[in-house]
């Protein structure tokens, strides 16, 4: 599915939530695999995946296209759902005096600023490097899969990834590359 097709599908689902089923079908496997790899309990993975899609449907009207695939948004929701479940689990186990502090860390704003800056820097990469970074890290595709999709060798994809990461690291640290 192309970015334009996915954007059109998201826009249609934002207007008519009944069309969310197509997005669900498109992304269920990736979201479930992401959750299952981190939770390792089938029932919990199924619950978290269901919760992820429930949250996504509830927040779909607020979703804005920012250059990343819709699947990346779903994976972020899944990661938050995993963290929420872990926090709930730790509260259930802890006694009254041992309740862990699950408040917002003081540097969360700095983290959000750095993440927004990173997304902008990824957008500024050359097209091939940007594609490799998005597919490798946002969509969690293998080097082999990316190479096949881009019709390049695995070595070429690794080189593009290396250059992109080197550029991003230097730019995040403030150096010009």
Protein backbone atom coordinates (compact mmCIF):
# COMPACT_ATOMS: atom_id res chain seq x y z
CA UNK A 1 0.00 0.00 0.00
CA UNK A 2 1.41 3.38 -0.96
CA UNK A 3 1.53 6.34 1.41
CA UNK A 4 -1.16 8.08 -0.63
CA UNK A 5 -3.43 5.01 -0.45
CA UNK A 6 -2.89 4.73 3.29
CA UNK A 7 -3.55 8.44 3.83
CA UNK A 8 -6.77 8.15 1.83
CA UNK A 9 -7.83 5.13 3.88
CA UNK A 10 -7.10 6.96 7.15
CA UNK A 11 -9.04 10.03 5.96
CA UNK A 12 -12.00 7.82 5.00
CA UNK A 13 -11.91 6.12 8.43
CA UNK A 14 -11.76 9.51 10.14
CA UNK A 15 -14.99 10.44 8.36
CA UNK A 16 -16.65 7.04 8.76
CA UNK A 17 -15.32 4.86 11.62
CA UNK A 18 -16.86 1.80 9.97
CA UNK A 19 -13.99 1.97 7.46
CA UNK A 20 -11.45 1.48 10.26
CA UNK A 21 -11.73 -2.26 9.64
CA UNK A 22 -9.53 -1.94 6.55
CA UNK A 23 -6.80 -0.26 8.60
CA UNK A 24 -7.21 -2.97 11.24
CA UNK A 25 -6.81 -5.71 8.64
CA UNK A 26 -3.77 -3.99 7.13
CA UNK A 27 -1.90 -3.51 10.43
CA UNK A 28 -3.10 -6.20 12.81
CA UNK A 29 -0.26 -8.64 12.10
CA UNK A 30 2.50 -6.08 12.64
CA UNK A 31 0.96 -4.70 15.84
CA UNK A 32 0.33 -8.17 17.27
CA UNK A 33 3.88 -9.27 16.44
CA UNK A 34 5.28 -6.13 18.09
CA UNK A 35 3.25 -6.74 21.26
CA UNK A 36 3.83 -10.51 21.37
CA UNK A 37 7.60 -10.03 21.11
CA UNK A 38 7.53 -7.83 24.20
CA UNK A 39 4.87 -9.47 26.36
CA UNK A 40 5.49 -13.18 25.71
CA UNK A 41 2.07 -14.13 27.13
CA UNK A 42 -0.44 -14.91 24.40
CA UNK A 43 -3.53 -13.81 26.30
CA UNK A 44 -1.89 -10.56 27.39
CA UNK A 45 -0.64 -9.93 23.84
CA UNK A 46 -4.15 -10.39 22.49
CA UNK A 47 -5.61 -8.07 25.16
CA UNK A 48 -3.00 -5.38 24.52
CA UNK A 49 -3.44 -5.63 20.75
CA UNK A 50 -7.20 -5.27 21.13
CA UNK A 51 -6.65 -2.31 23.47
CA UNK A 52 -4.28 -0.75 20.93
CA UNK A 53 -6.86 -0.82 18.17
CA UNK A 54 -9.57 0.37 20.55
CA UNK A 55 -7.40 3.36 21.52
CA UNK A 56 -6.55 4.01 17.87
CA UNK A 57 -10.20 4.04 16.87
CA UNK A 58 -11.06 6.31 19.79
CA UNK A 59 -8.27 8.75 18.86
CA UNK A 60 -8.54 8.46 15.08
CA UNK A 61 -10.12 11.90 14.62
CA UNK A 62 -7.07 13.49 16.28
CA UNK A 63 -4.57 11.56 14.15
CA UNK A 64 -2.52 13.84 11.89
CA UNK A 65 -0.25 12.73 9.07
CA UNK A 66 3.36 13.68 9.96
CA UNK A 67 5.27 11.84 7.30
CA UNK A 68 5.38 8.53 9.15
CA UNK A 69 3.24 5.54 8.25
CA UNK A 70 -0.02 4.98 10.10
CA UNK A 71 1.51 1.73 11.37
CA UNK A 72 4.15 3.70 13.29
CA UNK A 73 1.35 5.51 15.15
CA UNK A 74 -0.24 2.17 16.00
CA UNK A 75 3.08 0.77 17.25
CA UNK A 76 3.51 3.83 19.48
CA UNK A 77 0.01 3.26 20.90
CA UNK A 78 0.90 -0.41 21.46
CA UNK A 79 4.12 0.54 23.27
CA UNK A 80 2.14 2.88 25.52
CA UNK A 81 -0.44 0.14 26.17
CA UNK A 82 2.35 -2.26 27.15
CA UNK A 83 3.81 0.34 29.52
CA UNK A 84 0.37 1.07 31.01
CA UNK A 85 -0.21 -2.63 31.61
CA UNK A 86 3.20 -2.97 33.26
CA UNK A 87 2.47 -0.01 35.54
CA UNK A 88 -0.93 -1.46 36.49
CA UNK A 89 0.72 -4.80 37.19
CA UNK A 90 3.37 -3.23 39.41
CA UNK A 91 0.69 -1.34 41.36
CA UNK A 92 -1.25 -4.55 41.92
CA UNK A 93 1.82 -6.28 43.35
CA UNK A 94 3.17 -3.43 45.47
CA UNK A 95 1.92 -2.89 48.99
CA UNK A 96 0.61 0.50 50.14
CA UNK A 97 3.98 1.93 51.24
CA UNK A 98 5.85 0.54 48.24
CA UNK A 99 3.77 2.02 45.44
CA UNK A 100 6.19 3.03 42.71
CA UNK A 101 6.19 6.58 41.39
CA UNK A 102 4.69 6.30 37.92
CA UNK A 103 4.30 10.03 37.41
CA UNK A 104 5.62 11.85 34.40
CA UNK A 105 9.41 12.11 34.52
CA UNK A 106 10.61 15.71 34.81
CA UNK A 107 12.43 15.61 31.47
CA UNK A 108 9.46 14.34 29.41
CA UNK A 109 9.16 17.72 27.62
CA UNK A 110 12.81 17.54 26.60
CA UNK A 111 12.24 14.01 25.32
CA UNK A 112 9.23 15.14 23.26
CA UNK A 113 11.26 18.04 21.83
CA UNK A 114 14.12 15.72 20.88
CA UNK A 115 11.75 13.22 19.32
CA UNK A 116 10.08 15.97 17.26
CA UNK A 117 13.52 17.19 16.20
CA UNK A 118 14.51 13.66 15.22
CA UNK A 119 11.38 13.27 13.08
CA UNK A 120 12.23 16.53 11.33
CA UNK A 121 15.82 15.39 10.76
CA UNK A 122 14.58 12.11 9.30
CA UNK A 123 12.35 14.11 6.94
CA UNK A 124 15.44 16.08 5.84
CA UNK A 125 17.42 12.96 4.87
CA UNK A 126 17.90 12.05 1.20
CA UNK A 127 14.93 10.02 -0.07
CA UNK A 128 16.67 6.60 -0.10
CA UNK A 129 18.08 7.05 3.40
CA UNK A 130 14.73 8.31 4.74
CA UNK A 131 12.94 5.31 3.22
CA UNK A 132 15.40 2.86 4.76
CA UNK A 133 15.16 4.48 8.22
CA UNK A 134 11.35 4.57 8.18
CA UNK A 135 10.98 1.01 6.94
CA UNK A 136 13.70 -0.34 9.23
CA UNK A 137 12.69 1.35 12.48
CA UNK A 138 9.10 2.57 12.16
CA UNK A 139 7.83 -0.42 10.22
CA UNK A 140 10.38 -2.88 11.69
CA UNK A 141 11.22 -4.49 8.34
CA UNK A 142 14.29 -6.63 7.85
CA UNK A 143 17.27 -5.52 5.76
CA UNK A 144 16.42 -8.28 3.28
CA UNK A 145 12.80 -7.13 2.98
CA UNK A 146 13.83 -3.51 2.44
CA UNK A 147 16.42 -4.53 -0.15
CA UNK A 148 13.78 -6.48 -2.05
CA UNK A 149 11.29 -3.61 -1.91
CA UNK A 150 13.89 -1.04 -3.05
CA UNK A 151 15.48 -3.41 -5.60
CA UNK A 152 18.90 -2.93 -4.01
CA UNK A 153 21.42 -5.29 -2.49
CA UNK A 154 21.38 -5.92 1.25
CA UNK A 155 24.82 -4.30 1.44
CA UNK A 156 23.49 -1.15 -0.24
CA UNK A 157 20.61 -0.97 2.25
CA UNK A 158 23.02 -1.44 5.18
CA UNK A 159 25.19 1.35 3.79
CA UNK A 160 22.18 3.67 3.42
CA UNK A 161 21.15 2.85 6.99
CA UNK A 162 24.68 3.47 8.29
CA UNK A 163 24.95 6.83 6.52
CA UNK A 164 21.51 7.92 7.67
CA UNK A 165 22.18 6.99 11.30
CA UNK A 166 25.58 8.70 11.21
CA UNK A 167 23.97 11.86 9.80
CA UNK A 168 21.13 11.79 12.33
CA UNK A 169 23.51 11.24 15.24
CA UNK A 170 25.76 14.11 14.16
CA UNK A 171 22.81 16.46 13.61
CA UNK A 172 21.22 15.54 16.95
CA UNK A 173 24.55 16.32 18.63
CA UNK A 174 24.67 19.66 16.84
CA UNK A 175 27.42 18.97 14.30
CA UNK A 176 26.93 19.84 10.65
CA UNK A 177 27.14 16.93 8.24
